[in-house]
Amino acid sequence: MLNAIKYDVKIDVNNVDFEKVAAILSYHGLSSFDSETQKRIFSNSYAVVFLYEGDILFGVGRALSDGVSQAAIYNIALVEKYRGRGFGKVIVEELIKQVPGCNVILYTAPHLASIYEHWGFRKMKTGFAKYVEQDLYEAKGFI
């Protein structure tokens, strides 16, 4: 599927349209932060990936890490028309390349867990979370 679309991978935040980043994440219910906050979030992340078709930003992802042993992937999202074509896996693989040798935890929505299991991730038995909006995340099935 990927061969049908020529795409570029960008791994820095320079010249990224964070209005588009905010819109992609908001569309999927992953974040309601505005563009300036998204710029801060992605700039403070250890690893970032942005996918482009020409000058069209269509995919995003980021990871937090110590760069030595542990990393956590967040905010994997694509513009709807690019979903189901393997681009989510590209984002994850590109993030993992930026944290070599690290154990990687992937944070996702409950209804998407099976996709990541298919890519070799395993559900954890020892993970815990403390959310600012605990009731909201419980209602959404995260806990």
Protein backbone atom coordinates (compact mmCIF):
# COMPACT_ATOMS: atom_id res chain seq x y z
CA MET A 1 0.00 0.00 0.00
CA LEU A 2 2.80 2.44 0.84
CA ASN A 3 4.23 2.31 -2.70
CA ALA A 4 1.11 3.99 -4.07
CA ILE A 5 1.90 7.24 -2.22
CA LYS A 6 5.24 9.04 -2.24
CA TYR A 7 5.83 10.30 1.27
CA ASP A 8 8.58 11.94 3.28
CA VAL A 9 9.50 11.39 6.92
CA LYS A 10 10.49 14.42 9.00
CA ILE A 11 12.06 13.88 12.44
CA ASP A 12 12.31 17.41 13.77
CA VAL A 13 9.85 20.19 14.65
CA ASN A 14 11.30 22.87 12.37
CA ASN A 15 8.72 24.39 10.01
CA VAL A 16 5.93 22.04 11.11
CA ASP A 17 2.38 23.39 10.83
CA PHE A 18 1.21 22.86 14.39
CA GLU A 19 -2.30 24.05 13.49
CA LYS A 20 -2.48 20.90 11.34
CA VAL A 21 -0.92 18.77 14.11
CA ALA A 22 -3.55 20.04 16.56
CA ALA A 23 -6.33 19.36 14.02
CA ILE A 24 -5.17 15.78 13.34
CA LEU A 25 -4.92 14.94 17.04
CA SER A 26 -8.23 16.64 17.86
CA TYR A 27 -10.05 14.82 15.05
CA HIS A 28 -9.14 11.48 16.63
CA GLY A 29 -9.89 12.65 20.18
CA LEU A 30 -6.24 12.31 21.20
CA SER A 31 -5.77 15.88 22.34
CA SER A 32 -7.67 19.13 22.61
CA PHE A 33 -4.60 21.35 23.03
CA ASP A 34 -4.13 24.31 20.69
CA SER A 35 -1.32 24.66 18.15
CA GLU A 36 1.05 26.56 20.46
CA THR A 37 0.67 23.89 23.14
CA GLN A 38 1.20 21.12 20.56
CA LYS A 39 4.37 22.85 19.43
CA ARG A 40 5.59 22.85 23.03
CA ILE A 41 4.59 19.21 23.54
CA PHE A 42 6.34 17.97 20.38
CA SER A 43 9.38 20.22 20.94
CA ASN A 44 9.81 18.76 24.43
CA SER A 45 9.54 15.17 23.18
CA TYR A 46 12.65 13.05 22.72
CA ALA A 47 11.62 11.80 19.27
CA VAL A 48 9.08 13.04 16.75
CA VAL A 49 7.82 11.88 13.37
CA PHE A 50 5.81 13.82 10.83
CA LEU A 51 4.71 12.25 7.53
CA TYR A 52 4.20 14.37 4.43
CA GLU A 53 2.86 13.78 0.95
CA GLY A 54 4.50 16.70 -0.83
CA ASP A 55 3.79 19.64 1.45
CA ILE A 56 0.72 18.00 3.03
CA LEU A 57 1.22 16.90 6.64
CA PHE A 58 -0.79 13.71 7.14
CA GLY A 59 0.74 11.79 10.05
CA VAL A 60 2.26 12.52 13.45
CA GLY A 61 3.76 10.71 16.42
CA ARG A 62 6.12 11.33 19.30
CA ALA A 63 8.07 9.54 22.00
CA LEU A 64 9.39 10.42 25.43
CA SER A 65 12.64 8.77 26.46
CA ASP A 66 15.78 8.85 28.55
CA GLY A 67 17.61 7.80 25.38
CA VAL A 68 19.27 4.88 27.13
CA SER A 69 16.81 2.28 28.36
CA GLN A 70 13.18 3.45 28.36
CA ALA A 71 10.81 5.12 25.90
CA ALA A 72 7.08 5.71 25.60
CA ILE A 73 5.25 6.39 22.34
CA TYR A 74 2.27 8.76 22.20
CA ASN A 75 -0.02 10.53 19.76
CA ILE A 76 0.16 8.27 16.71
CA ALA A 77 -2.39 9.81 14.34
CA LEU A 78 -3.13 10.10 10.64
CA VAL A 79 -5.42 12.14 8.46
CA GLU A 80 -8.39 9.84 7.81
CA LYS A 81 -7.74 9.17 4.10
CA TYR A 82 -4.26 7.82 4.93
CA ARG A 83 -5.44 5.32 7.55
CA GLY A 84 -5.32 1.61 6.82
CA ARG A 85 -2.38 1.96 4.43
CA GLY A 86 0.51 1.11 6.74
CA PHE A 87 1.48 4.66 7.65
CA GLY A 88 0.78 4.21 11.36
CA LYS A 89 3.33 1.42 11.39
CA VAL A 90 5.80 3.68 9.57
CA ILE A 91 5.41 6.29 12.31
CA VAL A 92 5.96 3.72 15.07
CA GLU A 93 8.98 2.17 13.32
CA GLU A 94 10.53 5.61 12.73
CA LEU A 95 10.08 6.49 16.41
CA ILE A 96 11.64 3.19 17.51
CA LYS A 97 14.66 3.91 15.28
CA GLN A 98 15.22 7.09 17.31
CA VAL A 99 15.36 5.20 20.64
CA PRO A 100 17.68 2.26 19.86
CA GLY A 101 18.21 -0.20 22.70
CA CYS A 102 15.22 1.11 24.67
CA ASN A 103 12.29 -0.82 26.05
CA VAL A 104 9.26 0.83 24.43
CA ILE A 105 5.83 1.35 25.94
CA LEU A 106 3.10 2.44 23.54
CA TYR A 107 0.16 4.44 24.83
CA THR A 108 -3.01 4.04 22.75
CA ALA A 109 -6.78 4.15 22.84
CA PRO A 110 -8.43 0.92 24.02
CA HIS A 111 -10.14 0.26 20.67
CA LEU A 112 -6.78 0.33 18.84
CA ALA A 113 -4.84 -2.06 21.09
CA SER A 114 -5.17 -5.02 18.72
CA ILE A 115 -3.36 -3.13 15.94
CA TYR A 116 -0.28 -2.73 18.09
CA GLU A 117 -0.42 -6.33 19.29
CA HIS A 118 -0.30 -7.31 15.62
CA TRP A 119 2.93 -5.28 15.31
CA GLY A 120 4.62 -7.13 18.17
CA PHE A 121 3.66 -5.03 21.20
CA ARG A 122 2.35 -6.94 24.21
CA LYS A 123 -0.14 -5.84 26.84
CA MET A 124 1.53 -5.04 30.13
CA LYS A 125 0.47 -6.57 33.43
CA THR A 126 2.19 -4.01 35.61
CA GLY A 127 1.22 -0.67 34.08
CA PHE A 128 -0.46 1.99 36.18
CA ALA A 129 -1.78 5.44 35.36
CA LYS A 130 -2.83 8.49 37.29
CA TYR A 131 -4.87 10.89 35.16
CA VAL A 132 -5.75 14.51 35.79
CA GLU A 133 -9.29 13.72 34.57
CA GLN A 134 -9.60 10.21 36.03
CA ASP A 135 -13.38 9.90 35.45
CA LEU A 136 -13.06 10.84 31.78
CA TYR A 137 -10.38 8.22 31.11
CA GLU A 138 -12.34 5.60 33.01
CA ALA A 139 -15.46 6.37 30.91
CA LYS A 140 -13.38 6.04 27.72
CA GLY A 141 -12.13 2.59 28.76
CA PHE A 142 -8.51 3.45 29.48
CA ILE A 143 -8.78 2.24 33.09
